[in-house]
């Protein structure tokens, strides 16, 4: 049986090397190790306790699959070890994929992916996985272009006190944000979201309409804001408390401007207002998870003083 202490000792230095440098430099090695330890302990349980996957089996029953088939696995490759898990992209049972949760080597070219893909098909063949996803510490479009891979989610974050030291963006004085008292604008939000997806079909893969219930829940936590211009609501902004693999603080849950106000630099100003009003401890951060193809949102995030904290890449399993 896999020994937890040995497992942690093996994977700790690997994960330290992948940790975003700007966070490690400020927070120190003890913080980094504690973050990684928490993540690895969670992974260890996934590797050793198949009963944790019962709900997954109930959600995505596949003929011929047993409980252990759904479980996270260590895959030994000619290049090093991978720890992988089965996922369904967007909860779509027609889109099975394998996510690499930890890797002991860098994936650099398609020849490696072909070898890895064959090993994953053997380990998860009953599910017929279509894609594999992994993390890279730095954004690298050339890597994707050269190998015909697809960039996925980009992590962009910064310490809130650092954001507030960044120069004020244009239009900062033109708009404001206020806590939402209700969601009476929800039907407008629905229509605007539908229109955006008609105007920009690729957005269907990048963002989703948040449910009224989820936004009401955020409102009750004082995490839902209305973006205001001349006493008019021109969009919404929502955050959620976050304690993830890299940081403590807030993640941007939703930011959406009505069509009339997009492309004018107002999103950047709204995010700066957000940094000004969010209560936070000294080392709390503001993080965004943005689809790589949503370049306007990435540009906005970087323009507020946030930095790249890593990204994910997809490749087809042939």
Protein backbone atom coordinates (compact mmCIF):
# COMPACT_ATOMS: atom_id res chain seq x y z
CA UNK A 1 0.00 0.00 0.00
CA UNK A 2 1.10 3.54 -0.79
CA UNK A 3 2.69 5.16 2.25
CA UNK A 4 1.54 8.75 2.88
CA UNK A 5 4.84 9.98 4.31
CA UNK A 6 6.81 8.57 1.40
CA UNK A 7 4.29 9.94 -1.07
CA UNK A 8 4.53 13.46 0.37
CA UNK A 9 8.35 13.35 0.45
CA UNK A 10 8.47 12.26 -3.21
CA UNK A 11 6.09 14.85 -4.61
CA UNK A 12 6.81 17.88 -2.39
CA UNK A 13 9.98 19.09 -4.24
CA UNK A 14 8.28 18.55 -7.60
CA UNK A 15 5.34 20.74 -6.62
CA UNK A 16 7.58 23.41 -5.07
CA UNK A 17 9.30 23.84 -8.44
CA UNK A 18 5.92 24.38 -10.14
CA UNK A 19 4.67 26.94 -7.62
CA UNK A 20 4.27 30.51 -8.99
CA UNK A 21 7.51 32.35 -8.26
CA UNK A 22 6.01 35.72 -7.36
CA UNK A 23 3.80 34.13 -4.69
CA UNK A 24 6.63 32.02 -3.29
CA UNK A 25 8.95 35.03 -3.14
CA UNK A 26 6.50 37.00 -1.00
CA UNK A 27 4.99 34.26 1.15
CA UNK A 28 8.09 32.15 1.80
CA UNK A 29 8.80 28.46 1.61
CA UNK A 30 6.81 27.48 4.71
CA UNK A 31 3.60 28.85 3.16
CA UNK A 32 4.33 27.07 -0.10
CA UNK A 33 4.97 23.75 1.64
CA UNK A 34 1.77 24.03 3.67
CA UNK A 35 -0.27 24.72 0.54
CA UNK A 36 1.30 21.81 -1.30
CA UNK A 37 0.96 19.46 1.68
CA UNK A 38 -2.77 20.12 1.85
CA UNK A 39 -3.17 19.43 -1.84
CA UNK A 40 -1.05 16.27 -1.77
CA UNK A 41 -2.93 14.90 1.24
CA UNK A 42 -6.16 15.30 -0.72
CA UNK A 43 -4.58 13.52 -3.70
CA UNK A 44 -3.29 10.73 -1.44
CA UNK A 45 -6.83 10.02 -0.23
CA UNK A 46 -8.06 9.93 -3.83
CA UNK A 47 -5.38 7.37 -4.66
CA UNK A 48 -6.01 5.13 -1.66
CA UNK A 49 -9.75 5.34 -0.93
CA UNK A 50 -11.97 4.27 -3.82
CA UNK A 51 -15.14 4.93 -1.80
CA UNK A 52 -14.56 8.67 -2.38
CA UNK A 53 -15.64 8.03 -5.98
CA UNK A 54 -19.06 6.54 -5.27
CA UNK A 55 -20.87 9.80 -6.04
CA UNK A 56 -18.91 10.10 -9.29
CA UNK A 57 -19.96 6.59 -10.29
CA UNK A 58 -23.59 7.40 -9.49
CA UNK A 59 -23.36 10.55 -11.63
CA UNK A 60 -21.58 8.97 -14.60
CA UNK A 61 -22.41 5.27 -14.74
CA UNK A 62 -20.58 3.53 -17.58
CA UNK A 63 -21.31 -0.07 -18.49
CA UNK A 64 -18.47 -2.34 -17.48
CA UNK A 65 -16.85 0.17 -15.11
CA UNK A 66 -16.29 -0.66 -11.44
CA UNK A 67 -15.68 1.78 -8.60
CA UNK A 68 -11.89 1.48 -8.78
CA UNK A 69 -11.98 2.36 -12.50
CA UNK A 70 -13.11 5.86 -11.53
CA UNK A 71 -10.33 6.29 -8.98
CA UNK A 72 -7.27 8.53 -9.36
CA UNK A 73 -4.18 6.64 -10.51
CA UNK A 74 -0.40 6.90 -10.67
CA UNK A 75 0.78 6.31 -14.23
CA UNK A 76 4.44 5.46 -14.80
CA UNK A 77 5.73 6.69 -18.17
CA UNK A 78 9.17 6.56 -19.85
CA UNK A 79 9.57 10.22 -18.80
CA UNK A 80 8.47 10.02 -15.18
CA UNK A 81 5.31 9.65 -13.13
CA UNK A 82 1.85 11.18 -13.53
CA UNK A 83 -1.03 11.31 -11.08
CA UNK A 84 -4.24 11.46 -13.06
CA UNK A 85 -8.00 11.50 -12.58
CA UNK A 86 -11.07 11.08 -14.75
CA UNK A 87 -13.23 14.15 -15.45
CA UNK A 88 -16.13 15.11 -17.66
CA UNK A 89 -15.54 18.53 -19.18
CA UNK A 90 -18.27 20.91 -18.09
CA UNK A 91 -20.12 17.97 -16.54
CA UNK A 92 -20.89 16.72 -20.07
CA UNK A 93 -20.95 12.92 -20.11
CA UNK A 94 -20.06 13.02 -23.81
CA UNK A 95 -16.73 14.69 -23.03
CA UNK A 96 -14.61 12.32 -20.90
CA UNK A 97 -11.08 13.56 -20.26
CA UNK A 98 -8.10 12.73 -18.09
CA UNK A 99 -6.67 15.53 -15.94
CA UNK A 100 -3.04 15.31 -14.88
CA UNK A 101 -3.16 16.48 -11.27
CA UNK A 102 0.58 16.11 -10.64
CA UNK A 103 3.51 15.44 -12.98
CA UNK A 104 7.16 14.72 -12.29
CA UNK A 105 8.35 15.87 -15.73
CA UNK A 106 7.67 18.57 -18.29
CA UNK A 107 5.51 17.72 -21.30
CA UNK A 108 7.26 19.35 -24.25
CA UNK A 109 6.06 17.78 -27.49
CA UNK A 110 3.40 15.71 -29.21
CA UNK A 111 5.49 12.53 -29.22
CA UNK A 112 5.28 12.47 -25.41
CA UNK A 113 1.52 13.09 -25.55
CA UNK A 114 1.08 10.11 -27.89
CA UNK A 115 2.90 7.82 -25.45
CA UNK A 116 0.98 9.24 -22.49
CA UNK A 117 -2.30 8.95 -24.40
CA UNK A 118 -1.75 5.24 -25.04
CA UNK A 119 -1.06 4.65 -21.34
CA UNK A 120 -4.18 6.61 -20.35
CA UNK A 121 -6.33 4.67 -22.82
CA UNK A 122 -5.12 1.47 -21.19
CA UNK A 123 -5.83 2.75 -17.66
CA UNK A 124 -9.20 4.38 -18.43
CA UNK A 125 -10.22 2.58 -21.63
CA UNK A 126 -13.74 1.79 -20.46
CA UNK A 127 -14.49 5.54 -20.44
CA UNK A 128 -13.00 6.26 -23.89
CA UNK A 129 -11.27 9.51 -22.84
CA UNK A 130 -10.95 12.07 -25.61
CA UNK A 131 -8.51 14.60 -24.16
CA UNK A 132 -5.76 14.98 -21.57
CA UNK A 133 -5.12 18.20 -19.62
CA UNK A 134 -2.05 19.33 -17.67
CA UNK A 135 -0.62 22.40 -15.90
CA UNK A 136 2.28 24.55 -17.03
CA UNK A 137 3.88 27.20 -14.86
CA UNK A 138 4.26 29.78 -17.64
CA UNK A 139 2.00 30.81 -20.49
CA UNK A 140 3.39 29.41 -23.74
CA UNK A 141 1.25 29.86 -26.87
CA UNK A 142 4.09 28.68 -29.12
CA UNK A 143 4.08 25.30 -27.38
CA UNK A 144 0.38 24.91 -28.20
CA UNK A 145 0.71 26.14 -31.78
CA UNK A 146 3.67 23.91 -32.58
CA UNK A 147 2.01 20.78 -31.24
CA UNK A 148 -1.61 21.56 -32.18
CA UNK A 149 -2.61 21.65 -28.51
CA UNK A 150 -5.33 23.85 -27.05
CA UNK A 151 -4.67 26.34 -24.27
CA UNK A 152 -7.36 26.16 -21.60
CA UNK A 153 -7.71 28.02 -18.30
CA UNK A 154 -5.20 30.72 -17.31
CA UNK A 155 -4.64 31.62 -13.64
CA UNK A 156 -4.02 35.36 -13.16
CA UNK A 157 -3.64 36.77 -9.64
CA UNK A 158 -2.00 39.34 -7.41
CA UNK A 159 -1.95 40.38 -3.78
CA UNK A 160 -4.72 42.88 -3.15
CA UNK A 161 -2.40 45.39 -1.51
CA UNK A 162 -0.14 45.22 -4.59
CA UNK A 163 -3.10 45.87 -6.90
CA UNK A 164 -3.97 48.96 -4.89
CA UNK A 165 -0.42 50.30 -5.44
CA UNK A 166 -0.85 49.97 -9.23
CA UNK A 167 -1.66 53.21 -11.11
CA UNK A 168 -5.39 53.90 -11.34
CA UNK A 169 -6.78 52.69 -14.68
CA UNK A 170 -8.55 54.97 -17.14
CA UNK A 171 -12.24 55.60 -16.44
CA UNK A 172 -11.83 54.85 -12.74
CA UNK A 173 -13.66 58.06 -11.79
CA UNK A 174 -16.43 57.46 -14.34
CA UNK A 175 -17.81 54.34 -12.71
CA UNK A 176 -18.35 52.85 -9.27
CA UNK A 177 -19.47 49.57 -7.77
CA UNK A 178 -22.01 48.95 -5.03
CA UNK A 179 -23.22 45.91 -3.14
CA UNK A 180 -26.25 44.36 -4.81
CA UNK A 181 -29.42 44.47 -2.72
CA UNK A 182 -31.32 42.13 -5.04
CA UNK A 183 -30.99 40.51 -8.47
CA UNK A 184 -33.85 42.37 -10.19
CA UNK A 185 -31.55 42.79 -13.21
CA UNK A 186 -31.23 39.02 -13.73
CA UNK A 187 -33.43 38.89 -16.85
CA UNK A 188 -31.24 41.61 -18.41
CA UNK A 189 -28.16 39.55 -17.54
CA UNK A 190 -29.71 36.47 -19.22
CA UNK A 191 -30.51 38.40 -22.41
CA UNK A 192 -27.10 40.02 -22.55
CA UNK A 193 -25.39 36.64 -22.05
CA UNK A 194 -27.43 35.09 -24.86
CA UNK A 195 -26.62 38.01 -27.16
CA UNK A 196 -22.91 37.73 -26.40
CA UNK A 197 -22.93 34.04 -27.31
CA UNK A 198 -24.71 34.83 -30.59
CA UNK A 199 -22.23 37.59 -31.40
CA UNK A 200 -19.21 35.54 -30.27
CA UNK A 201 -20.02 31.79 -30.58
CA UNK A 202 -16.65 30.79 -29.08
CA UNK A 203 -17.76 32.35 -25.78
CA UNK A 204 -20.01 29.30 -25.24
CA UNK A 205 -16.84 27.35 -24.33
CA UNK A 206 -15.40 30.15 -22.20
CA UNK A 207 -18.11 31.31 -19.86
CA UNK A 208 -21.43 30.22 -18.49
CA UNK A 209 -24.53 32.00 -17.31
CA UNK A 210 -24.55 31.98 -13.52
CA UNK A 211 -27.81 30.83 -11.96
CA UNK A 212 -30.01 33.24 -10.09
CA UNK A 213 -29.69 31.10 -6.96
CA UNK A 214 -25.88 31.18 -7.05
CA UNK A 215 -25.87 34.97 -7.40
CA UNK A 216 -28.37 35.37 -4.57
CA UNK A 217 -26.11 33.22 -2.40
CA UNK A 218 -23.18 35.52 -3.17
CA UNK A 219 -25.34 38.56 -2.45
CA UNK A 220 -26.06 37.20 1.02
CA UNK A 221 -22.29 37.03 1.64
CA UNK A 222 -21.79 40.61 0.37
CA UNK A 223 -19.81 39.23 -2.57
CA UNK A 224 -22.11 40.46 -5.37
CA UNK A 225 -21.67 43.97 -6.80
CA UNK A 226 -23.41 46.13 -9.38
CA UNK A 227 -21.23 48.19 -11.72
CA UNK A 228 -22.62 51.72 -11.90
CA UNK A 229 -22.25 54.61 -14.35
CA UNK A 230 -24.32 57.79 -13.94
CA UNK A 231 -26.65 56.00 -11.49
CA UNK A 232 -27.32 53.25 -14.04
CA UNK A 233 -26.46 49.56 -13.63
CA UNK A 234 -24.17 48.65 -16.52
CA UNK A 235 -23.05 45.20 -15.39
CA UNK A 236 -22.29 42.94 -12.46
CA UNK A 237 -19.20 41.75 -10.62
CA UNK A 238 -19.04 38.87 -8.13
CA UNK A 239 -16.32 37.21 -6.07
CA UNK A 240 -16.05 34.19 -3.82
CA UNK A 241 -13.66 33.41 -0.99
CA UNK A 242 -10.87 31.17 -2.20
CA UNK A 243 -8.31 28.87 -0.62
CA UNK A 244 -6.79 26.97 -3.52
CA UNK A 245 -3.52 25.32 -4.49
CA UNK A 246 -1.68 28.66 -4.75
CA UNK A 247 -3.34 31.39 -2.73
CA UNK A 248 -5.75 32.62 -0.09
CA UNK A 249 -8.16 35.43 -0.82
CA UNK A 250 -10.82 35.93 -3.47
CA UNK A 251 -11.51 34.66 -6.95
CA UNK A 252 -13.56 36.58 -9.48
CA UNK A 253 -16.70 34.49 -9.89
CA UNK A 254 -18.36 36.61 -12.55
CA UNK A 255 -17.76 39.89 -14.32
CA UNK A 256 -20.21 40.90 -16.99
CA UNK A 257 -20.82 44.26 -18.65
CA UNK A 258 -23.85 44.99 -20.78
CA UNK A 259 -22.98 45.07 -24.50
CA UNK A 260 -23.21 48.86 -24.76
CA UNK A 261 -20.37 49.26 -22.26
CA UNK A 262 -17.93 46.59 -23.44
CA UNK A 263 -14.65 47.42 -25.13
CA UNK A 264 -14.33 50.76 -23.38
CA UNK A 265 -11.88 49.83 -20.62
CA UNK A 266 -14.56 49.85 -17.93
CA UNK A 267 -13.94 46.28 -16.76
CA UNK A 268 -10.43 47.21 -15.68
CA UNK A 269 -11.78 50.15 -13.70
CA UNK A 270 -14.44 47.95 -12.09
CA UNK A 271 -11.83 45.44 -10.95
CA UNK A 272 -9.75 48.19 -9.41
CA UNK A 273 -12.81 49.43 -7.51
CA UNK A 274 -13.27 45.85 -6.33
CA UNK A 275 -9.73 45.71 -4.95
CA UNK A 276 -10.40 48.95 -3.08
CA UNK A 277 -13.55 47.73 -1.32
CA UNK A 278 -12.86 44.05 -0.56
CA UNK A 279 -11.91 43.48 3.10
CA UNK A 280 -8.68 41.51 3.16
CA UNK A 281 -5.73 40.44 5.26
CA UNK A 282 -2.20 41.51 4.30
CA UNK A 283 -1.41 38.47 2.18
CA UNK A 284 -4.76 37.79 0.55
CA UNK A 285 -4.97 37.81 -3.23
CA UNK A 286 -7.42 38.42 -6.06
CA UNK A 287 -7.42 35.57 -8.57
CA UNK A 288 -9.13 35.05 -11.89
CA UNK A 289 -9.50 31.83 -13.86
CA UNK A 290 -9.94 32.89 -17.46
CA UNK A 291 -10.18 30.86 -20.64
CA UNK A 292 -7.09 31.44 -22.75
CA UNK A 293 -9.14 32.43 -25.80
CA UNK A 294 -10.86 35.17 -23.81
CA UNK A 295 -8.04 37.59 -24.53
CA UNK A 296 -10.05 40.73 -23.66
CA UNK A 297 -10.54 39.44 -20.10
CA UNK A 298 -6.89 38.41 -19.80
CA UNK A 299 -5.81 41.86 -20.97
CA UNK A 300 -8.12 43.42 -18.40
CA UNK A 301 -6.75 41.27 -15.57
CA UNK A 302 -3.12 42.00 -16.44
CA UNK A 303 -3.94 45.69 -16.75
CA UNK A 304 -5.00 45.82 -13.10
CA UNK A 305 -1.56 44.64 -11.98
CA UNK A 306 -2.30 40.95 -11.70
CA UNK A 307 0.26 38.38 -12.87
CA UNK A 308 0.20 35.03 -14.60
CA UNK A 309 0.19 32.17 -12.08
CA UNK A 310 0.07 29.31 -14.60
CA UNK A 311 -2.20 27.78 -17.22
CA UNK A 312 -3.64 24.47 -18.39
CA UNK A 313 -3.26 22.81 -21.78
CA UNK A 314 -5.49 20.26 -23.52
CA UNK A 315 -4.35 17.72 -26.11
CA UNK A 316 -6.36 15.10 -27.95
CA UNK A 317 -5.96 11.44 -27.04
CA UNK A 318 -5.66 9.71 -30.41
